[in-house]
Amino acid sequence: MRRGAAARTGGLAAGPDADAAFAASAAPVAPAVEPAPVRRQLRTEFAFELPRGYVDESGTVHREGVMRLATARDELIPLRDVRVQENPAYLSVVLLARVITRLGTVPHLHDGVVENMFASDLAFLQDFYRQINAEGHTRAGVTCPHCEQPFEVELGGSRLGES
């Protein structure tokens, strides 16, 4: 009995047939390869441009900004805010101040910045918040029953912070 064959086969068999059997069983077998699922990178920040722009104390207009996806914490923490408890409409101000990560060259974005935005910009940001936090959009494709032309309709409409 050859020592190599006995060691490889656990001492059970010897000879050329055992070596061939061992080689066949020890050969790496390629597992059935299924195509890996396509990984989509999760996008967590979204650029926007305000319709009018936030005007700071020096008169500079800031229009371009970035908003990140909201977390559950972002929606829960403002509910403990006294201003929100006294006036539920203030929820959107506090919530937007938490998720807007950049607005022009404003060094520190806070509730006061959002409070001093034009109403049209606040409405734009509320809609934008709903769109990015609802799987990227709140539109649905439909077809006109009369002319059969496809078009999209906006399904959003709830207030910020309400799912």
N, C-alpha and C. Protein backbone atom coordinates (compact mmCIF):
# COMPACT_ATOMS: atom_id res chain seq x y z
N MET A 1 0.85 -1.16 0.00
CA MET A 1 0.00 0.00 0.00
C MET A 1 0.90 1.22 0.00
N ARG A 2 0.55 2.15 -0.87
CA ARG A 2 1.34 3.38 -0.92
C ARG A 2 0.86 4.30 0.18
N ARG A 3 1.80 4.93 0.80
CA ARG A 3 1.47 5.77 1.94
C ARG A 3 0.58 6.96 1.52
N GLY A 4 0.87 7.59 0.39
CA GLY A 4 0.09 8.74 -0.07
C GLY A 4 -1.36 8.36 -0.32
N ALA A 5 -1.58 7.20 -0.96
CA ALA A 5 -2.95 6.78 -1.26
C ALA A 5 -3.69 6.45 0.01
N ALA A 6 -3.01 5.79 0.95
CA ALA A 6 -3.66 5.42 2.21
C ALA A 6 -4.02 6.68 2.99
N ALA A 7 -3.15 7.65 2.98
CA ALA A 7 -3.43 8.88 3.73
C ALA A 7 -4.59 9.63 3.10
N ARG A 8 -4.62 9.66 1.74
CA ARG A 8 -5.68 10.40 1.08
C ARG A 8 -7.03 9.71 1.20
N THR A 9 -7.01 8.40 1.24
CA THR A 9 -8.28 7.66 1.28
C THR A 9 -8.65 7.25 2.69
N GLY A 10 -7.91 7.71 3.66
CA GLY A 10 -8.23 7.34 5.04
C GLY A 10 -7.81 5.92 5.34
N GLY A 11 -6.90 5.32 4.54
CA GLY A 11 -6.40 3.98 4.80
C GLY A 11 -7.36 2.90 4.37
N LEU A 12 -8.39 3.21 3.60
CA LEU A 12 -9.40 2.23 3.23
C LEU A 12 -9.06 1.47 1.97
N ALA A 13 -8.39 2.09 1.03
CA ALA A 13 -8.12 1.40 -0.24
C ALA A 13 -6.75 1.82 -0.73
N ALA A 14 -6.24 1.03 -1.65
CA ALA A 14 -4.94 1.34 -2.22
C ALA A 14 -4.94 0.98 -3.68
N GLY A 15 -3.96 1.51 -4.42
CA GLY A 15 -3.81 1.14 -5.81
C GLY A 15 -4.27 2.24 -6.74
N PRO A 16 -4.04 2.01 -8.05
CA PRO A 16 -4.36 3.03 -9.04
C PRO A 16 -5.84 3.36 -9.09
N ASP A 17 -6.71 2.35 -8.90
CA ASP A 17 -8.14 2.62 -8.94
C ASP A 17 -8.57 3.54 -7.79
N ALA A 18 -8.01 3.33 -6.62
CA ALA A 18 -8.33 4.16 -5.46
C ALA A 18 -7.84 5.58 -5.68
N ASP A 19 -6.63 5.70 -6.28
CA ASP A 19 -6.11 7.04 -6.58
C ASP A 19 -7.02 7.77 -7.56
N ALA A 20 -7.51 7.09 -8.58
CA ALA A 20 -8.39 7.71 -9.57
C ALA A 20 -9.72 8.10 -8.92
N ALA A 21 -10.23 7.23 -8.05
CA ALA A 21 -11.49 7.52 -7.37
C ALA A 21 -11.33 8.74 -6.48
N PHE A 22 -10.19 8.78 -5.77
CA PHE A 22 -9.94 9.92 -4.89
C PHE A 22 -9.80 11.19 -5.70
N ALA A 23 -9.08 11.13 -6.79
CA ALA A 23 -8.87 12.31 -7.62
C ALA A 23 -10.20 12.82 -8.15
N ALA A 24 -11.07 11.90 -8.53
CA ALA A 24 -12.37 12.31 -9.05
C ALA A 24 -13.22 12.94 -7.95
N SER A 25 -13.14 12.34 -6.73
CA SER A 25 -13.98 12.90 -5.66
C SER A 25 -13.38 14.17 -5.08
N ALA A 26 -12.08 14.34 -5.18
CA ALA A 26 -11.43 15.52 -4.61
C ALA A 26 -11.39 16.69 -5.58
N ALA A 27 -11.71 16.42 -6.85
CA ALA A 27 -11.68 17.50 -7.84
C ALA A 27 -12.74 18.52 -7.48
N PRO A 28 -12.37 19.77 -7.54
CA PRO A 28 -13.37 20.79 -7.21
C PRO A 28 -14.53 20.75 -8.20
N VAL A 29 -15.70 20.71 -7.67
CA VAL A 29 -16.90 20.69 -8.49
C VAL A 29 -17.48 22.09 -8.47
N ALA A 30 -17.64 22.64 -9.65
CA ALA A 30 -18.20 23.98 -9.74
C ALA A 30 -19.67 23.92 -9.39
N PRO A 31 -20.08 24.64 -8.38
CA PRO A 31 -21.51 24.64 -8.04
C PRO A 31 -22.31 25.33 -9.14
N ALA A 32 -23.55 24.97 -9.21
CA ALA A 32 -24.42 25.62 -10.20
C ALA A 32 -24.45 27.11 -9.86
N VAL A 33 -24.02 27.90 -10.80
CA VAL A 33 -23.92 29.33 -10.55
C VAL A 33 -25.18 30.02 -11.04
N GLU A 34 -25.85 30.66 -10.09
CA GLU A 34 -27.01 31.45 -10.45
C GLU A 34 -26.53 32.88 -10.60
N PRO A 35 -27.09 33.59 -11.54
CA PRO A 35 -26.65 34.98 -11.69
C PRO A 35 -26.93 35.76 -10.41
N ALA A 36 -25.94 36.50 -9.99
CA ALA A 36 -26.11 37.31 -8.77
C ALA A 36 -27.16 38.38 -9.04
N PRO A 37 -27.98 38.65 -8.04
CA PRO A 37 -28.97 39.70 -8.25
C PRO A 37 -28.26 41.03 -8.47
N VAL A 38 -28.85 41.82 -9.33
CA VAL A 38 -28.26 43.13 -9.63
C VAL A 38 -28.46 44.00 -8.41
N ARG A 39 -27.36 44.47 -7.88
CA ARG A 39 -27.43 45.33 -6.70
C ARG A 39 -27.59 46.76 -7.13
N ARG A 40 -28.66 47.36 -6.65
CA ARG A 40 -28.88 48.77 -6.90
C ARG A 40 -28.34 49.54 -5.73
N GLN A 41 -27.55 50.53 -6.00
CA GLN A 41 -27.03 51.39 -4.95
C GLN A 41 -28.19 52.23 -4.40
N LEU A 42 -28.37 52.22 -3.09
CA LEU A 42 -29.44 53.01 -2.49
C LEU A 42 -29.04 54.47 -2.50
N ARG A 43 -29.87 55.26 -3.11
CA ARG A 43 -29.62 56.69 -3.18
C ARG A 43 -30.26 57.33 -1.96
N THR A 44 -29.47 58.05 -1.16
CA THR A 44 -30.00 58.62 0.07
C THR A 44 -30.03 60.14 0.06
N GLU A 45 -29.42 60.78 -0.92
CA GLU A 45 -29.43 62.24 -1.01
C GLU A 45 -29.93 62.67 -2.39
N PHE A 46 -30.71 63.75 -2.40
CA PHE A 46 -31.33 64.21 -3.63
C PHE A 46 -31.19 65.72 -3.74
N ALA A 47 -30.69 66.16 -4.88
CA ALA A 47 -30.51 67.59 -5.12
C ALA A 47 -31.85 68.21 -5.52
N PHE A 48 -32.01 69.48 -5.17
CA PHE A 48 -33.22 70.21 -5.55
C PHE A 48 -32.86 71.66 -5.83
N GLU A 49 -33.78 72.35 -6.48
CA GLU A 49 -33.64 73.78 -6.71
C GLU A 49 -34.97 74.43 -6.35
N LEU A 50 -34.92 75.35 -5.40
CA LEU A 50 -36.13 76.03 -4.95
C LEU A 50 -36.68 76.93 -6.05
N PRO A 51 -38.00 77.03 -6.15
CA PRO A 51 -38.60 77.88 -7.19
C PRO A 51 -38.23 79.36 -7.02
N ARG A 52 -38.21 79.86 -5.79
CA ARG A 52 -37.88 81.27 -5.56
C ARG A 52 -36.52 81.41 -4.89
N GLY A 53 -36.29 80.67 -3.84
CA GLY A 53 -35.02 80.72 -3.13
C GLY A 53 -35.13 81.35 -1.77
N TYR A 54 -34.30 80.90 -0.86
CA TYR A 54 -34.24 81.44 0.49
C TYR A 54 -33.33 82.66 0.47
N VAL A 55 -33.80 83.76 1.03
CA VAL A 55 -33.01 84.99 1.09
C VAL A 55 -32.50 85.15 2.52
N ASP A 56 -31.16 85.12 2.69
CA ASP A 56 -30.60 85.26 4.03
C ASP A 56 -30.52 86.72 4.46
N GLU A 57 -29.98 86.99 5.65
CA GLU A 57 -29.94 88.35 6.21
C GLU A 57 -29.16 89.33 5.35
N SER A 58 -28.16 88.82 4.61
CA SER A 58 -27.34 89.73 3.79
C SER A 58 -27.95 89.94 2.40
N GLY A 59 -29.10 89.29 2.13
CA GLY A 59 -29.75 89.45 0.84
C GLY A 59 -29.35 88.42 -0.21
N THR A 60 -28.49 87.48 0.17
CA THR A 60 -28.07 86.42 -0.76
C THR A 60 -29.21 85.43 -0.95
N VAL A 61 -29.46 85.07 -2.21
CA VAL A 61 -30.51 84.10 -2.52
C VAL A 61 -29.87 82.73 -2.66
N HIS A 62 -30.43 81.76 -1.94
CA HIS A 62 -29.94 80.38 -1.97
C HIS A 62 -31.05 79.52 -2.58
N ARG A 63 -30.75 78.89 -3.72
CA ARG A 63 -31.78 78.09 -4.40
C ARG A 63 -31.44 76.61 -4.47
N GLU A 64 -30.17 76.26 -4.60
CA GLU A 64 -29.79 74.86 -4.77
C GLU A 64 -29.50 74.22 -3.42
N GLY A 65 -30.01 73.00 -3.25
CA GLY A 65 -29.80 72.31 -1.99
C GLY A 65 -29.83 70.81 -2.15
N VAL A 66 -29.70 70.13 -1.03
CA VAL A 66 -29.70 68.67 -0.98
C VAL A 66 -30.57 68.24 0.19
N MET A 67 -31.41 67.24 -0.07
CA MET A 67 -32.24 66.66 0.98
C MET A 67 -31.91 65.18 1.05
N ARG A 68 -31.80 64.67 2.27
CA ARG A 68 -31.55 63.23 2.46
C ARG A 68 -32.86 62.52 2.79
N LEU A 69 -32.83 61.20 2.64
CA LEU A 69 -33.99 60.41 3.02
C LEU A 69 -34.23 60.56 4.52
N ALA A 70 -35.46 60.56 4.93
CA ALA A 70 -35.81 60.67 6.34
C ALA A 70 -35.74 59.30 7.00
N THR A 71 -35.38 59.31 8.26
CA THR A 71 -35.40 58.09 9.07
C THR A 71 -36.64 58.14 9.96
N ALA A 72 -36.93 57.03 10.59
CA ALA A 72 -38.04 57.00 11.54
C ALA A 72 -37.79 58.02 12.66
N ARG A 73 -36.54 58.12 13.07
CA ARG A 73 -36.18 59.08 14.12
C ARG A 73 -36.50 60.51 13.70
N ASP A 74 -36.22 60.82 12.42
CA ASP A 74 -36.51 62.16 11.91
C ASP A 74 -37.99 62.50 12.04
N GLU A 75 -38.84 61.51 11.89
CA GLU A 75 -40.28 61.75 11.97
C GLU A 75 -40.80 61.69 13.40
N LEU A 76 -40.08 61.00 14.29
CA LEU A 76 -40.55 60.87 15.67
C LEU A 76 -40.09 62.02 16.58
N ILE A 77 -38.84 62.42 16.46
CA ILE A 77 -38.28 63.46 17.35
C ILE A 77 -39.10 64.76 17.31
N PRO A 78 -39.49 65.25 16.13
CA PRO A 78 -40.26 66.50 16.13
C PRO A 78 -41.58 66.41 16.89
N LEU A 79 -42.13 65.23 17.05
CA LEU A 79 -43.40 65.09 17.77
C LEU A 79 -43.26 65.44 19.24
N ARG A 80 -42.03 65.42 19.77
CA ARG A 80 -41.79 65.80 21.16
C ARG A 80 -41.54 67.30 21.31
N ASP A 81 -41.37 67.98 20.18
CA ASP A 81 -41.10 69.42 20.19
C ASP A 81 -42.35 70.17 20.65
N VAL A 82 -42.19 71.07 21.61
CA VAL A 82 -43.32 71.82 22.16
C VAL A 82 -44.02 72.63 21.07
N ARG A 83 -43.25 73.19 20.15
CA ARG A 83 -43.85 73.99 19.07
C ARG A 83 -44.78 73.14 18.21
N VAL A 84 -44.39 71.89 17.97
CA VAL A 84 -45.21 70.98 17.16
C VAL A 84 -46.44 70.56 17.96
N GLN A 85 -46.28 70.33 19.26
CA GLN A 85 -47.41 69.94 20.10
C GLN A 85 -48.45 71.06 20.17
N GLU A 86 -47.98 72.30 20.19
CA GLU A 86 -48.90 73.44 20.23
C GLU A 86 -49.52 73.73 18.87
N ASN A 87 -48.77 73.47 17.80
CA ASN A 87 -49.24 73.75 16.45
C ASN A 87 -48.74 72.65 15.51
N PRO A 88 -49.56 71.63 15.23
CA PRO A 88 -49.12 70.50 14.39
C PRO A 88 -48.61 70.92 13.01
N ALA A 89 -49.02 72.09 12.52
CA ALA A 89 -48.52 72.54 11.22
C ALA A 89 -47.03 72.82 11.26
N TYR A 90 -46.48 73.04 12.44
CA TYR A 90 -45.04 73.32 12.58
C TYR A 90 -44.19 72.07 12.35
N LEU A 91 -44.84 70.90 12.32
CA LEU A 91 -44.11 69.64 12.10
C LEU A 91 -43.28 69.69 10.82
N SER A 92 -43.84 70.20 9.75
CA SER A 92 -43.09 70.20 8.48
C SER A 92 -41.85 71.08 8.56
N VAL A 93 -41.91 72.19 9.32
CA VAL A 93 -40.75 73.07 9.47
C VAL A 93 -39.62 72.33 10.18
N VAL A 94 -39.94 71.69 11.30
CA VAL A 94 -38.92 70.97 12.08
C VAL A 94 -38.38 69.78 11.28
N LEU A 95 -39.26 69.07 10.64
CA LEU A 95 -38.86 67.89 9.87
C LEU A 95 -37.96 68.27 8.69
N LEU A 96 -38.33 69.29 7.96
CA LEU A 96 -37.50 69.72 6.82
C LEU A 96 -36.13 70.21 7.28
N ALA A 97 -36.09 70.90 8.41
CA ALA A 97 -34.80 71.38 8.93
C ALA A 97 -33.88 70.20 9.28
N ARG A 98 -34.45 69.06 9.61
CA ARG A 98 -33.64 67.88 9.94
C ARG A 98 -33.10 67.18 8.69
N VAL A 99 -33.87 67.18 7.58
CA VAL A 99 -33.47 66.38 6.42
C VAL A 99 -32.79 67.17 5.30
N ILE A 100 -32.88 68.48 5.33
CA ILE A 100 -32.15 69.28 4.33
C ILE A 100 -30.72 69.38 4.81
N THR A 101 -29.80 68.85 4.04
CA THR A 101 -28.40 68.81 4.46
C THR A 101 -27.59 69.97 3.91
N ARG A 102 -28.09 70.60 2.86
CA ARG A 102 -27.37 71.75 2.30
C ARG A 102 -28.37 72.64 1.59
N LEU A 103 -28.15 73.95 1.75
CA LEU A 103 -28.95 74.94 1.02
C LEU A 103 -28.01 76.08 0.64
N GLY A 104 -27.62 76.11 -0.61
CA GLY A 104 -26.69 77.13 -1.07
C GLY A 104 -25.45 77.16 -0.21
N THR A 105 -25.12 78.36 0.27
CA THR A 105 -23.95 78.50 1.14
C THR A 105 -24.35 78.79 2.58
N VAL A 106 -25.59 78.47 2.94
CA VAL A 106 -26.04 78.66 4.33
C VAL A 106 -25.18 77.74 5.20
N PRO A 107 -24.46 78.32 6.18
CA PRO A 107 -23.54 77.50 6.96
C PRO A 107 -24.22 76.51 7.89
N HIS A 108 -25.34 76.88 8.48
CA HIS A 108 -26.03 75.99 9.42
C HIS A 108 -27.53 76.10 9.17
N LEU A 109 -28.10 75.01 8.67
CA LEU A 109 -29.53 75.00 8.39
C LEU A 109 -30.29 74.62 9.65
N HIS A 110 -31.25 75.40 10.05
CA HIS A 110 -32.03 75.15 11.27
C HIS A 110 -33.48 75.56 11.01
N ASP A 111 -34.31 75.37 12.04
CA ASP A 111 -35.74 75.67 11.91
C ASP A 111 -36.00 77.09 11.43
N GLY A 112 -35.22 78.04 11.93
CA GLY A 112 -35.41 79.44 11.56
C GLY A 112 -35.24 79.69 10.07
N VAL A 113 -34.34 78.96 9.45
CA VAL A 113 -34.14 79.10 8.00
C VAL A 113 -35.39 78.65 7.28
N VAL A 114 -35.91 77.49 7.65
CA VAL A 114 -37.12 76.97 6.99
C VAL A 114 -38.32 77.89 7.27
N GLU A 115 -38.40 78.43 8.48
CA GLU A 115 -39.50 79.35 8.84
C GLU A 115 -39.52 80.58 7.94
N ASN A 116 -38.35 81.03 7.52
CA ASN A 116 -38.25 82.26 6.74
C ASN A 116 -38.24 82.04 5.23
N MET A 117 -38.57 80.84 4.80
CA MET A 117 -38.68 80.58 3.36
C MET A 117 -40.02 81.08 2.85
N PHE A 118 -40.07 81.38 1.57
CA PHE A 118 -41.33 81.76 0.94
C PHE A 118 -42.27 80.55 0.97
N ALA A 119 -43.56 80.82 1.04
CA ALA A 119 -44.56 79.76 1.10
C ALA A 119 -44.45 78.81 -0.09
N SER A 120 -44.15 79.34 -1.28
CA SER A 120 -44.04 78.48 -2.46
C SER A 120 -42.83 77.53 -2.34
N ASP A 121 -41.75 78.00 -1.72
CA ASP A 121 -40.59 77.13 -1.52
C ASP A 121 -40.88 76.07 -0.47
N LEU A 122 -41.59 76.44 0.58
CA LEU A 122 -41.97 75.48 1.62
C LEU A 122 -42.87 74.39 1.01
N ALA A 123 -43.84 74.79 0.20
CA ALA A 123 -44.72 73.82 -0.46
C ALA A 123 -43.92 72.90 -1.38
N PHE A 124 -42.96 73.48 -2.11
CA PHE A 124 -42.10 72.69 -2.99
C PHE A 124 -41.34 71.64 -2.19
N LEU A 125 -40.75 72.05 -1.04
CA LEU A 125 -39.95 71.13 -0.22
C LEU A 125 -40.83 70.05 0.41
N GLN A 126 -42.05 70.38 0.79
CA GLN A 126 -42.96 69.38 1.33
C GLN A 126 -43.27 68.32 0.28
N ASP A 127 -43.54 68.75 -0.94
CA ASP A 127 -43.80 67.80 -2.04
C ASP A 127 -42.56 66.97 -2.35
N PHE A 128 -41.41 67.63 -2.37
CA PHE A 128 -40.15 66.93 -2.66
C PHE A 128 -39.88 65.87 -1.59
N TYR A 129 -40.11 66.22 -0.33
CA TYR A 129 -39.95 65.27 0.78
C TYR A 129 -40.81 64.04 0.55
N ARG A 130 -42.08 64.26 0.22
CA ARG A 130 -42.99 63.14 -0.03
C ARG A 130 -42.51 62.27 -1.19
N GLN A 131 -42.03 62.89 -2.24
CA GLN A 131 -41.58 62.15 -3.41
C GLN A 131 -40.39 61.27 -3.10
N ILE A 132 -39.37 61.80 -2.46
CA ILE A 132 -38.15 60.99 -2.24
C ILE A 132 -38.34 59.95 -1.15
N ASN A 133 -39.28 60.17 -0.24
CA ASN A 133 -39.48 59.21 0.84
C ASN A 133 -40.57 58.19 0.52
N ALA A 134 -41.14 58.26 -0.67
CA ALA A 134 -42.14 57.29 -1.12
C ALA A 134 -41.59 56.53 -2.31
N GLU A 135 -40.45 55.83 -2.10
CA GLU A 135 -39.81 55.05 -3.15
C GLU A 135 -39.43 55.90 -4.35
N GLY A 136 -39.15 57.15 -4.14
CA GLY A 136 -38.67 58.00 -5.21
C GLY A 136 -39.74 58.79 -5.93
N HIS A 137 -40.97 58.38 -5.86
CA HIS A 137 -42.00 59.16 -6.54
C HIS A 137 -43.38 58.78 -6.00
N THR A 138 -44.30 59.64 -6.25
CA THR A 138 -45.69 59.35 -5.89
C THR A 138 -46.58 59.51 -7.12
N ARG A 139 -46.02 59.17 -8.27
CA ARG A 139 -46.77 59.28 -9.52
C ARG A 139 -47.12 57.88 -10.02
N ALA A 140 -48.21 57.82 -10.75
CA ALA A 140 -48.62 56.56 -11.34
C ALA A 140 -48.91 56.78 -12.82
N GLY A 141 -48.53 55.81 -13.64
CA GLY A 141 -48.83 55.87 -15.06
C GLY A 141 -50.26 55.44 -15.31
N VAL A 142 -50.98 56.23 -16.07
CA VAL A 142 -52.37 55.91 -16.42
C VAL A 142 -52.58 56.15 -17.91
N THR A 143 -53.70 55.72 -18.40
CA THR A 143 -54.05 55.91 -19.81
C THR A 143 -55.40 56.61 -19.88
N CYS A 144 -55.48 57.60 -20.75
CA CYS A 144 -56.73 58.33 -20.94
C CYS A 144 -57.77 57.38 -21.53
N PRO A 145 -58.95 57.30 -20.93
CA PRO A 145 -59.97 56.40 -21.45
C PRO A 145 -60.54 56.85 -22.79
N HIS A 146 -60.37 58.12 -23.13
CA HIS A 146 -60.93 58.62 -24.38
C HIS A 146 -59.95 58.51 -25.55
N CYS A 147 -58.74 59.05 -25.35
CA CYS A 147 -57.78 59.06 -26.47
C CYS A 147 -56.72 57.97 -26.35
N GLU A 148 -56.70 57.25 -25.23
CA GLU A 148 -55.77 56.15 -24.97
C GLU A 148 -54.31 56.58 -24.93
N GLN A 149 -54.05 57.86 -24.66
CA GLN A 149 -52.68 58.35 -24.52
C GLN A 149 -52.22 58.14 -23.07
N PRO A 150 -50.99 57.62 -22.88
CA PRO A 150 -50.48 57.44 -21.51
C PRO A 150 -50.00 58.77 -20.93
N PHE A 151 -50.18 58.92 -19.61
CA PHE A 151 -49.66 60.08 -18.90
C PHE A 151 -49.53 59.71 -17.43
N GLU A 152 -48.90 60.60 -16.63
CA GLU A 152 -48.70 60.34 -15.21
C GLU A 152 -49.58 61.25 -14.38
N VAL A 153 -50.03 60.73 -13.23
CA VAL A 153 -50.77 61.54 -12.27
C VAL A 153 -50.06 61.50 -10.93
N GLU A 154 -50.15 62.59 -10.19
CA GLU A 154 -49.54 62.70 -8.87
C GLU A 154 -50.51 62.11 -7.84
N LEU A 155 -50.03 61.16 -7.04
CA LEU A 155 -50.87 60.52 -6.04
C LEU A 155 -50.64 61.08 -4.65
N GLY A 156 -49.56 61.84 -4.46
CA GLY A 156 -49.23 62.38 -3.14
C GLY A 156 -50.26 63.39 -2.71
N GLY A 157 -50.26 63.68 -1.42
CA GLY A 157 -51.20 64.67 -0.94
C GLY A 157 -51.33 64.70 0.56
N SER A 158 -50.73 63.72 1.26
CA SER A 158 -50.81 63.75 2.71
C SER A 158 -49.82 64.76 3.27
N ARG A 159 -50.00 65.14 4.52
CA ARG A 159 -49.10 66.11 5.13
C ARG A 159 -47.80 65.44 5.52
N LEU A 160 -46.74 66.23 5.61
CA LEU A 160 -45.43 65.72 6.01
C LEU A 160 -45.51 65.03 7.36
N GLY A 161 -44.78 63.94 7.48
CA GLY A 161 -44.73 63.23 8.74
C GLY A 161 -45.90 62.30 8.97
N GLU A 162 -46.82 62.25 8.05
CA GLU A 162 -47.96 61.35 8.15
C GLU A 162 -47.86 60.31 7.06
N SER A 163 -47.76 59.08 7.45
CA SER A 163 -47.63 58.01 6.45
C SER A 163 -48.97 57.49 6.03
